Amino acid sequence: MTTDRTMLITGATSGLGRELARQYSLQPGHLILHGRDPDKLTELIDDLSPARAHLDPVTADLGELAQVERLAQDVAGLTDHVSVLVNNAGVGQGRGDVRETSADGHELRLAVNHLAPFLLTMRLLPLLRAGAPSRVVNVASAAQTPVDFDDPQLVNEYTGSRAYAQSKFAMIAAGFRLAGQLPAGEVTVNSLHPATLMPTAMVEEGWGANVDKLATGVASTRHLIDSPRLNGVTGQYFFRTSPEEALPEAYEQDVQDQLWRLSEELTGLA
């Protein structure tokens, strides 16, 4: 990390985010680390100290849009530019197919996995432009299912796996649309499936089994953050470190447009 590179990692207190924070703390630069629990953030900063990077903690519950707005404001108070935004925080499919809602009344997986990073990214666009060439890295999933625009909140026929897959589809498709709006030399937007069922608390709760090592997910995410081969590459979906095709519907303009309007409406950006 160069001395003037500023990186924001959401969901930095556990799993993939925590290991990314640990590795990037060993490099010079400015590392802004987000978490929901202030005590866990304090523990993280203590664990990473002494660090070569300058570390700043920021607290927000991404299940509440007002806190996402405040998070963007807090970041703007810490830096005049963002070089890399890693939208990593998320919730898995959970247990028991119990439909949950956010503080704003939105289906929880849609709220945390899509609406929060959507709103945060849009609010941070001025800082990302100021940090050009900058990168937005969306930690998504190979688990994808198209959004049901007749019932996007899954009031009917809810399952945790469907809610999770729909939220990750939304993250990817909205990323494609945003990438098409921004000059690739200014801000790139890419999404990835970092690894399959890594040993994290989210996976343990929702799936109870592991396939890939955490190191695989870290290396995949770092590829999107660091690789010079990806300079100017935008609007892509990666399976680990390889470019892959997302669901065909994610590339459809009408689907992207409907999703964008829905996202603006639900986040208050409309």
C-alpha atoms as a PDB file:
ATOM      1  CA  MET A   1       0.000   0.000   0.000  1.00  0.00           C
ATOM      2  CA  THR A   2       1.416   3.374  -0.963  1.00  0.00           C
ATOM      3  CA  THR A   3       1.603   5.994   1.755  1.00  0.00           C
ATOM      4  CA  ASP A   4      -1.285   8.005   0.291  1.00  0.00           C
ATOM      5  CA  ARG A   5      -3.603   5.050  -0.372  1.00  0.00           C
ATOM      6  CA  THR A   6      -6.703   5.104   1.803  1.00  0.00           C
ATOM      7  CA  MET A   7      -8.705   1.902   2.109  1.00  0.00           C
ATOM      8  CA  LEU A   8     -12.048   1.345   3.828  1.00  0.00           C
ATOM      9  CA  ILE A   9     -12.919  -2.243   4.753  1.00  0.00           C
ATOM     10  CA  THR A  10     -16.410  -2.925   6.051  1.00  0.00           C
ATOM     11  CA  GLY A  11     -16.965  -5.873   8.345  1.00  0.00           C
ATOM     12  CA  ALA A  12     -13.358  -5.760   9.521  1.00  0.00           C
ATOM     13  CA  THR A  13     -13.743  -7.296  12.971  1.00  0.00           C
ATOM     14  CA  SER A  14     -14.091 -10.933  11.913  1.00  0.00           C
ATOM     15  CA  GLY A  15     -13.481 -13.446   9.150  1.00  0.00           C
ATOM     16  CA  LEU A  16     -12.312 -12.247   5.767  1.00  0.00           C
ATOM     17  CA  GLY A  17     -12.413  -8.580   6.742  1.00  0.00           C
ATOM     18  CA  ARG A  18     -10.282  -9.098   9.827  1.00  0.00           C
ATOM     19  CA  GLU A  19      -7.570 -10.952   7.941  1.00  0.00           C
ATOM     20  CA  LEU A  20      -7.546  -8.301   5.216  1.00  0.00           C
ATOM     21  CA  ALA A  21      -7.175  -5.689   7.952  1.00  0.00           C
ATOM     22  CA  ARG A  22      -4.289  -7.603   9.508  1.00  0.00           C
ATOM     23  CA  GLN A  23      -2.405  -7.941   6.247  1.00  0.00           C
ATOM     24  CA  TYR A  24      -2.915  -4.363   5.096  1.00  0.00           C
ATOM     25  CA  SER A  25      -2.002  -3.010   8.534  1.00  0.00           C
ATOM     26  CA  LEU A  26       1.522  -4.247   7.805  1.00  0.00           C
ATOM     27  CA  GLN A  27       1.804  -1.856   4.848  1.00  0.00           C
ATOM     28  CA  PRO A  28       2.022   1.948   4.834  1.00  0.00           C
ATOM     29  CA  GLY A  29      -1.124   3.873   4.072  1.00  0.00           C
ATOM     30  CA  HIS A  30      -4.414   4.796   5.738  1.00  0.00           C
ATOM     31  CA  LEU A  31      -6.679   1.941   6.784  1.00  0.00           C
ATOM     32  CA  ILE A  32     -10.241   2.749   7.865  1.00  0.00           C
ATOM     33  CA  LEU A  33     -11.808  -0.266   9.546  1.00  0.00           C
ATOM     34  CA  HIS A  34     -15.551  -0.625  10.009  1.00  0.00           C
ATOM     35  CA  GLY A  35     -17.372  -2.751  12.520  1.00  0.00           C
ATOM     36  CA  ARG A  36     -20.749  -2.889  14.217  1.00  0.00           C
ATOM     37  CA  ASP A  37     -19.453  -3.485  17.746  1.00  0.00           C
ATOM     38  CA  PRO A  38     -17.204  -0.728  19.173  1.00  0.00           C
ATOM     39  CA  ASP A  39     -15.637  -3.126  21.678  1.00  0.00           C
ATOM     40  CA  LYS A  40     -14.638  -5.536  18.911  1.00  0.00           C
ATOM     41  CA  LEU A  41     -13.233  -2.623  16.916  1.00  0.00           C
ATOM     42  CA  THR A  42     -11.130  -1.537  19.890  1.00  0.00           C
ATOM     43  CA  GLU A  43      -9.888  -5.104  20.282  1.00  0.00           C
ATOM     44  CA  LEU A  44      -9.039  -5.218  16.569  1.00  0.00           C
ATOM     45  CA  ILE A  45      -7.055  -1.974  16.668  1.00  0.00           C
ATOM     46  CA  ASP A  46      -5.197  -3.207  19.754  1.00  0.00           C
ATOM     47  CA  ASP A  47      -4.404  -6.520  18.043  1.00  0.00           C
ATOM     48  CA  LEU A  48      -3.073  -4.759  14.951  1.00  0.00           C
ATOM     49  CA  SER A  49      -0.870  -2.336  16.871  1.00  0.00           C
ATOM     50  CA  PRO A  50       1.844  -1.406  16.288  1.00  0.00           C
ATOM     51  CA  ALA A  51       0.966  -1.101  12.598  1.00  0.00           C
ATOM     52  CA  ARG A  52       2.703   0.486   9.642  1.00  0.00           C
ATOM     53  CA  ALA A  53      -0.625   1.754   8.350  1.00  0.00           C
ATOM     54  CA  HIS A  54      -2.466   4.575  10.057  1.00  0.00           C
ATOM     55  CA  LEU A  55      -5.576   2.922  11.545  1.00  0.00           C
ATOM     56  CA  ASP A  56      -8.964   4.542  12.100  1.00  0.00           C
ATOM     57  CA  PRO A  57     -12.008   2.654  13.430  1.00  0.00           C
ATOM     58  CA  VAL A  58     -15.561   3.560  12.330  1.00  0.00           C
ATOM     59  CA  THR A  59     -18.695   2.089  13.872  1.00  0.00           C
ATOM     60  CA  ALA A  60     -22.076   1.507  12.229  1.00  0.00           C
ATOM     61  CA  ASP A  61     -24.831  -1.077  12.116  1.00  0.00           C
ATOM     62  CA  LEU A  62     -25.380  -1.572   8.391  1.00  0.00           C
ATOM     63  CA  GLY A  63     -28.875  -2.813   9.110  1.00  0.00           C
ATOM     64  CA  GLU A  64     -29.933   0.803   9.684  1.00  0.00           C
ATOM     65  CA  LEU A  65     -29.675   3.216   6.768  1.00  0.00           C
ATOM     66  CA  ALA A  66     -29.266   6.255   9.027  1.00  0.00           C
ATOM     67  CA  GLN A  67     -26.117   4.638  10.417  1.00  0.00           C
ATOM     68  CA  VAL A  68     -24.856   3.969   6.884  1.00  0.00           C
ATOM     69  CA  GLU A  69     -25.315   7.674   6.147  1.00  0.00           C
ATOM     70  CA  ARG A  70     -23.425   8.537   9.315  1.00  0.00           C
ATOM     71  CA  LEU A  71     -20.673   6.086   8.395  1.00  0.00           C
ATOM     72  CA  ALA A  72     -20.128   7.889   5.089  1.00  0.00           C
ATOM     73  CA  GLN A  73     -19.957  11.184   6.961  1.00  0.00           C
ATOM     74  CA  ASP A  74     -17.487   9.746   9.471  1.00  0.00           C
ATOM     75  CA  VAL A  75     -15.240   8.525   6.665  1.00  0.00           C
ATOM     76  CA  ALA A  76     -15.384  11.961   5.031  1.00  0.00           C
ATOM     77  CA  GLY A  77     -14.255  13.418   8.343  1.00  0.00           C
ATOM     78  CA  LEU A  78     -11.175  11.194   8.358  1.00  0.00           C
ATOM     79  CA  THR A  79      -9.916  11.586   4.798  1.00  0.00           C
ATOM     80  CA  ASP A  80     -10.219  13.677   1.653  1.00  0.00           C
ATOM     81  CA  HIS A  81     -10.051  10.634  -0.628  1.00  0.00           C
ATOM     82  CA  VAL A  82     -10.736   6.895  -0.740  1.00  0.00           C
ATOM     83  CA  SER A  83      -8.530   4.721  -2.938  1.00  0.00           C
ATOM     84  CA  VAL A  84     -10.204   1.373  -2.242  1.00  0.00           C
ATOM     85  CA  LEU A  85     -13.633   0.574  -0.835  1.00  0.00           C
ATOM     86  CA  VAL A  86     -14.076  -3.081   0.138  1.00  0.00           C
ATOM     87  CA  ASN A  87     -17.780  -3.806   0.675  1.00  0.00           C
ATOM     88  CA  ASN A  88     -17.209  -6.929   2.729  1.00  0.00           C
ATOM     89  CA  ALA A  89     -19.713  -6.777   5.610  1.00  0.00           C
ATOM     90  CA  GLY A  90     -22.680  -9.066   5.222  1.00  0.00           C
ATOM     91  CA  VAL A  91     -25.016 -11.615   6.744  1.00  0.00           C
ATOM     92  CA  GLY A  92     -25.441 -15.200   5.609  1.00  0.00           C
ATOM     93  CA  GLN A  93     -28.560 -17.272   5.142  1.00  0.00           C
ATOM     94  CA  GLY A  94     -29.005 -17.726   8.892  1.00  0.00           C
ATOM     95  CA  ARG A  95     -30.674 -20.658  10.557  1.00  0.00           C
ATOM     96  CA  GLY A  96     -34.180 -21.993  10.329  1.00  0.00           C
ATOM     97  CA  ASP A  97     -35.454 -19.930   7.387  1.00  0.00           C
ATOM     98  CA  VAL A  98     -36.669 -17.208   9.731  1.00  0.00           C
ATOM     99  CA  ARG A  99     -37.427 -13.973   7.892  1.00  0.00           C
ATOM    100  CA  GLU A 100     -35.857 -11.003   9.676  1.00  0.00           C
ATOM    101  CA  THR A 101     -36.179  -7.297   9.046  1.00  0.00           C
ATOM    102  CA  SER A 102     -33.797  -4.408   9.459  1.00  0.00           C
ATOM    103  CA  ALA A 103     -34.304  -1.332  11.626  1.00  0.00           C
ATOM    104  CA  ASP A 104     -35.932   0.275   8.575  1.00  0.00           C
ATOM    105  CA  GLY A 105     -38.303  -2.637   8.039  1.00  0.00           C
ATOM    106  CA  HIS A 106     -36.482  -4.104   5.028  1.00  0.00           C
ATOM    107  CA  GLU A 107     -35.754  -7.795   4.630  1.00  0.00           C
ATOM    108  CA  LEU A 108     -32.477  -8.112   6.530  1.00  0.00           C
ATOM    109  CA  ARG A 109     -30.277  -9.824   3.936  1.00  0.00           C
ATOM    110  CA  LEU A 110     -31.327  -7.402   1.223  1.00  0.00           C
ATOM    111  CA  ALA A 111     -30.717  -4.512   3.637  1.00  0.00           C
ATOM    112  CA  VAL A 112     -27.240  -5.479   4.828  1.00  0.00           C
ATOM    113  CA  ASN A 113     -25.832  -7.251   1.781  1.00  0.00           C
ATOM    114  CA  HIS A 114     -27.118  -4.870  -0.877  1.00  0.00           C
ATOM    115  CA  LEU A 115     -28.843  -1.689   0.272  1.00  0.00           C
ATOM    116  CA  ALA A 116     -26.111  -0.744   2.761  1.00  0.00           C
ATOM    117  CA  PRO A 117     -23.145  -1.132   0.381  1.00  0.00           C
ATOM    118  CA  PHE A 118     -25.175   0.502  -2.403  1.00  0.00           C
ATOM    119  CA  LEU A 119     -25.880   3.565  -0.270  1.00  0.00           C
ATOM    120  CA  LEU A 120     -22.365   3.693   1.183  1.00  0.00           C
ATOM    121  CA  THR A 121     -20.757   3.502  -2.248  1.00  0.00           C
ATOM    122  CA  MET A 122     -22.974   6.227  -3.649  1.00  0.00           C
ATOM    123  CA  ARG A 123     -22.288   8.523  -0.695  1.00  0.00           C
ATOM    124  CA  LEU A 124     -18.542   7.924  -0.991  1.00  0.00           C
ATOM    125  CA  LEU A 125     -18.363   8.566  -4.747  1.00  0.00           C
ATOM    126  CA  PRO A 126     -16.914  12.083  -4.278  1.00  0.00           C
ATOM    127  CA  LEU A 127     -14.100  10.636  -2.158  1.00  0.00           C
ATOM    128  CA  LEU A 128     -13.566   7.765  -4.591  1.00  0.00           C
ATOM    129  CA  ARG A 129     -13.309  10.235  -7.465  1.00  0.00           C
ATOM    130  CA  ALA A 130     -10.844  12.273  -5.422  1.00  0.00           C
ATOM    131  CA  GLY A 131      -8.770   9.103  -4.954  1.00  0.00           C
ATOM    132  CA  ALA A 132      -8.710   8.232  -8.657  1.00  0.00           C
ATOM    133  CA  PRO A 133      -7.812   5.776  -9.935  1.00  0.00           C
ATOM    134  CA  SER A 134      -9.797   4.049  -7.207  1.00  0.00           C
ATOM    135  CA  ARG A 135     -11.458   0.665  -6.835  1.00  0.00           C
ATOM    136  CA  VAL A 136     -14.740  -0.581  -5.399  1.00  0.00           C
ATOM    137  CA  VAL A 137     -14.550  -4.268  -4.499  1.00  0.00           C
ATOM    138  CA  ASN A 138     -17.869  -5.960  -3.726  1.00  0.00           C
ATOM    139  CA  VAL A 139     -17.544  -9.213  -1.817  1.00  0.00           C
ATOM    140  CA  ALA A 140     -20.444 -11.121  -3.336  1.00  0.00           C
ATOM    141  CA  SER A 141     -21.076 -14.823  -3.872  1.00  0.00           C
ATOM    142  CA  ALA A 142     -21.588 -17.533  -6.453  1.00  0.00           C
ATOM    143  CA  ALA A 143     -24.945 -18.043  -4.748  1.00  0.00           C
ATOM    144  CA  GLN A 144     -27.159 -15.829  -6.892  1.00  0.00           C
ATOM    145  CA  THR A 145     -30.842 -15.712  -7.738  1.00  0.00           C
ATOM    146  CA  PRO A 146     -32.652 -12.937  -9.615  1.00  0.00           C
ATOM    147  CA  VAL A 147     -34.612 -10.354  -7.644  1.00  0.00           C
ATOM    148  CA  ASP A 148     -38.363 -10.959  -7.640  1.00  0.00           C
ATOM    149  CA  PHE A 149     -39.542  -7.412  -8.355  1.00  0.00           C
ATOM    150  CA  ASP A 150     -43.103  -8.416  -7.462  1.00  0.00           C
ATOM    151  CA  ASP A 151     -41.900  -9.392  -3.997  1.00  0.00           C
ATOM    152  CA  PRO A 152     -38.345  -8.070  -3.519  1.00  0.00           C
ATOM    153  CA  GLN A 153     -38.673  -8.198   0.274  1.00  0.00           C
ATOM    154  CA  LEU A 154     -39.604 -11.904   0.099  1.00  0.00           C
ATOM    155  CA  VAL A 155     -42.717 -11.517   2.208  1.00  0.00           C
ATOM    156  CA  ASN A 156     -43.952 -14.704   0.553  1.00  0.00           C
ATOM    157  CA  GLU A 157     -42.069 -17.969   0.029  1.00  0.00           C
ATOM    158  CA  TYR A 158     -39.112 -16.863   2.132  1.00  0.00           C
ATOM    159  CA  THR A 159     -36.060 -19.015   2.657  1.00  0.00           C
ATOM    160  CA  GLY A 160     -32.739 -17.861   4.043  1.00  0.00           C
ATOM    161  CA  SER A 161     -30.808 -19.266   1.104  1.00  0.00           C
ATOM    162  CA  ARG A 162     -33.041 -17.472  -1.379  1.00  0.00           C
ATOM    163  CA  ALA A 163     -32.788 -14.191   0.524  1.00  0.00           C
ATOM    164  CA  TYR A 164     -29.010 -14.462   0.674  1.00  0.00           C
ATOM    165  CA  ALA A 165     -28.655 -15.367  -3.014  1.00  0.00           C
ATOM    166  CA  GLN A 166     -31.029 -12.574  -4.080  1.00  0.00           C
ATOM    167  CA  SER A 167     -29.092  -9.995  -2.057  1.00  0.00           C
ATOM    168  CA  LYS A 168     -25.795 -11.030  -3.648  1.00  0.00           C
ATOM    169  CA  PHE A 169     -27.337 -10.960  -7.113  1.00  0.00           C
ATOM    170  CA  ALA A 170     -28.510  -7.418  -6.375  1.00  0.00           C
ATOM    171  CA  MET A 171     -25.018  -6.398  -5.264  1.00  0.00           C
ATOM    172  CA  ILE A 172     -23.489  -7.751  -8.475  1.00  0.00           C
ATOM    173  CA  ALA A 173     -26.104  -6.365 -10.888  1.00  0.00           C
ATOM    174  CA  ALA A 174     -26.072  -2.913  -9.280  1.00  0.00           C
ATOM    175  CA  GLY A 175     -22.282  -3.002  -9.469  1.00  0.00           C
ATOM    176  CA  PHE A 176     -22.475  -3.650 -13.197  1.00  0.00           C
ATOM    177  CA  ARG A 177     -24.776  -0.653 -13.655  1.00  0.00           C
ATOM    178  CA  LEU A 178     -22.638   1.650 -11.514  1.00  0.00           C
ATOM    179  CA  ALA A 179     -19.517   0.582 -13.407  1.00  0.00           C
ATOM    180  CA  GLY A 180     -21.221   1.647 -16.631  1.00  0.00           C
ATOM    181  CA  GLN A 181     -21.797   5.117 -15.220  1.00  0.00           C
ATOM    182  CA  LEU A 182     -18.215   5.805 -14.125  1.00  0.00           C
ATOM    183  CA  PRO A 183     -15.083   6.310 -16.243  1.00  0.00           C
ATOM    184  CA  ALA A 184     -12.910   3.232 -15.777  1.00  0.00           C
ATOM    185  CA  GLY A 185      -9.846   5.424 -15.394  1.00  0.00           C
ATOM    186  CA  GLU A 186     -11.512   7.122 -12.445  1.00  0.00           C
ATOM    187  CA  VAL A 187     -13.362   4.444 -10.441  1.00  0.00           C
ATOM    188  CA  THR A 188     -13.652   0.724 -11.166  1.00  0.00           C
ATOM    189  CA  VAL A 189     -16.399  -1.454  -9.699  1.00  0.00           C
ATOM    190  CA  ASN A 190     -15.986  -5.225  -9.589  1.00  0.00           C
ATOM    191  CA  SER A 191     -17.559  -8.067  -7.617  1.00  0.00           C
ATOM    192  CA  LEU A 192     -16.257 -11.465  -6.626  1.00  0.00           C
ATOM    193  CA  HIS A 193     -16.978 -14.817  -5.082  1.00  0.00           C
ATOM    194  CA  PRO A 194     -13.841 -14.941  -2.917  1.00  0.00           C
ATOM    195  CA  ALA A 195     -14.062 -18.592  -1.863  1.00  0.00           C
ATOM    196  CA  THR A 196     -16.591 -21.300  -1.051  1.00  0.00           C
ATOM    197  CA  LEU A 197     -17.742 -21.715   2.558  1.00  0.00           C
ATOM    198  CA  MET A 198     -14.690 -20.301   4.295  1.00  0.00           C
ATOM    199  CA  PRO A 199     -14.262 -20.974   8.047  1.00  0.00           C
ATOM    200  CA  THR A 200     -16.088 -17.862   9.270  1.00  0.00           C
ATOM    201  CA  ALA A 201     -18.830 -17.279  11.834  1.00  0.00           C
ATOM    202  CA  MET A 202     -21.303 -16.449   9.046  1.00  0.00           C
ATOM    203  CA  VAL A 203     -20.651 -19.740   7.277  1.00  0.00           C
ATOM    204  CA  GLU A 204     -20.746 -21.705  10.517  1.00  0.00           C
ATOM    205  CA  GLU A 205     -24.155 -20.277  11.383  1.00  0.00           C
ATOM    206  CA  GLY A 206     -25.732 -20.725   7.975  1.00  0.00           C
ATOM    207  CA  TRP A 207     -24.071 -23.758   6.480  1.00  0.00           C
ATOM    208  CA  GLY A 208     -22.094 -25.508   9.227  1.00  0.00           C
ATOM    209  CA  ALA A 209     -19.426 -26.836   6.865  1.00  0.00           C
ATOM    210  CA  ASN A 210     -16.286 -25.516   5.207  1.00  0.00           C
ATOM    211  CA  VAL A 211     -14.797 -26.042   1.770  1.00  0.00           C
ATOM    212  CA  ASP A 212     -12.111 -23.434   1.098  1.00  0.00           C
ATOM    213  CA  LYS A 213      -9.548 -21.972   3.456  1.00  0.00           C
ATOM    214  CA  LEU A 214      -9.789 -18.362   4.574  1.00  0.00           C
ATOM    215  CA  ALA A 215      -6.475 -17.717   2.834  1.00  0.00           C
ATOM    216  CA  THR A 216      -8.146 -18.467  -0.507  1.00  0.00           C
ATOM    217  CA  GLY A 217     -10.737 -15.760   0.038  1.00  0.00           C
ATOM    218  CA  VAL A 218      -8.121 -13.281   1.209  1.00  0.00           C
ATOM    219  CA  ALA A 219      -5.933 -13.896  -1.841  1.00  0.00           C
ATOM    220  CA  SER A 220      -8.916 -13.561  -4.172  1.00  0.00           C
ATOM    221  CA  THR A 221     -10.000 -10.273  -2.628  1.00  0.00           C
ATOM    222  CA  ARG A 222      -6.468  -8.914  -2.584  1.00  0.00           C
ATOM    223  CA  HIS A 223      -6.234  -9.695  -6.288  1.00  0.00           C
ATOM    224  CA  LEU A 224      -9.087  -7.283  -6.974  1.00  0.00           C
ATOM    225  CA  ILE A 225      -7.582  -4.699  -4.627  1.00  0.00           C
ATOM    226  CA  ASP A 226      -3.965  -4.848  -5.757  1.00  0.00           C
ATOM    227  CA  SER A 227      -3.446  -6.456  -9.137  1.00  0.00           C
ATOM    228  CA  PRO A 228      -1.996  -4.027 -11.704  1.00  0.00           C
ATOM    229  CA  ARG A 229      -3.526  -6.264 -14.387  1.00  0.00           C
ATOM    230  CA  LEU A 230      -6.910  -4.960 -13.274  1.00  0.00           C
ATOM    231  CA  ASN A 231      -6.100  -1.303 -13.804  1.00  0.00           C
ATOM    232  CA  GLY A 232      -9.076   0.076 -15.724  1.00  0.00           C
ATOM    233  CA  VAL A 233     -10.956  -3.236 -15.580  1.00  0.00           C
ATOM    234  CA  THR A 234     -14.514  -2.589 -14.437  1.00  0.00           C
ATOM    235  CA  GLY A 235     -17.982  -4.088 -14.418  1.00  0.00           C
ATOM    236  CA  GLN A 236     -16.697  -7.627 -13.961  1.00  0.00           C
ATOM    237  CA  TYR A 237     -17.563 -10.595 -11.767  1.00  0.00           C
ATOM    238  CA  PHE A 238     -14.762 -12.855 -10.567  1.00  0.00           C
ATOM    239  CA  PHE A 239     -14.854 -16.389  -9.216  1.00  0.00           C
ATOM    240  CA  ARG A 240     -11.864 -16.274  -6.905  1.00  0.00           C
ATOM    241  CA  THR A 241      -9.254 -14.630  -9.171  1.00  0.00           C
ATOM    242  CA  SER A 242     -10.740 -15.578 -12.542  1.00  0.00           C
ATOM    243  CA  PRO A 243     -13.243 -13.510 -14.539  1.00  0.00           C
ATOM    244  CA  GLU A 244     -16.494 -15.465 -14.759  1.00  0.00           C
ATOM    245  CA  GLU A 245     -20.062 -14.929 -15.898  1.00  0.00           C
ATOM    246  CA  ALA A 246     -22.618 -13.990 -13.274  1.00  0.00           C
ATOM    247  CA  LEU A 247     -26.264 -14.971 -13.790  1.00  0.00           C
ATOM    248  CA  PRO A 248     -27.398 -13.855 -17.263  1.00  0.00           C
ATOM    249  CA  GLU A 249     -30.161 -11.694 -15.773  1.00  0.00           C
ATOM    250  CA  ALA A 250     -27.543  -9.537 -14.022  1.00  0.00           C
ATOM    251  CA  TYR A 251     -26.429  -8.207 -17.414  1.00  0.00           C
ATOM    252  CA  GLU A 252     -29.927  -7.323 -18.637  1.00  0.00           C
ATOM    253  CA  GLN A 253     -30.440  -3.569 -18.853  1.00  0.00           C
ATOM    254  CA  ASP A 254     -34.073  -3.661 -17.765  1.00  0.00           C
ATOM    255  CA  VAL A 255     -33.192  -5.749 -14.726  1.00  0.00           C
ATOM    256  CA  GLN A 256     -30.394  -3.358 -13.791  1.00  0.00           C
ATOM    257  CA  ASP A 257     -32.680  -0.366 -14.266  1.00  0.00           C
ATOM    258  CA  GLN A 258     -35.474  -1.863 -12.147  1.00  0.00           C
ATOM    259  CA  LEU A 259     -33.002  -2.818  -9.455  1.00  0.00           C
ATOM    260  CA  TRP A 260     -31.453   0.656  -9.475  1.00  0.00           C
ATOM    261  CA  ARG A 261     -34.834   2.329  -9.074  1.00  0.00           C
ATOM    262  CA  LEU A 262     -35.761  -0.055  -6.266  1.00  0.00           C
ATOM    263  CA  SER A 263     -32.442   0.537  -4.520  1.00  0.00           C
ATOM    264  CA  GLU A 264     -32.796   4.301  -4.779  1.00  0.00           C
ATOM    265  CA  GLU A 265     -36.332   4.119  -3.436  1.00  0.00           C
ATOM    266  CA  LEU A 266     -35.515   1.867  -0.483  1.00  0.00           C
ATOM    267  CA  THR A 267     -32.388   3.800   0.525  1.00  0.00           C
ATOM    268  CA  GLY A 268     -33.925   7.254   0.064  1.00  0.00           C
ATOM    269  CA  LEU A 269     -31.565   8.200  -2.752  1.00  0.00           C
ATOM    270  CA  ALA A 270     -34.428   8.633  -5.244  1.00  0.00           C
END
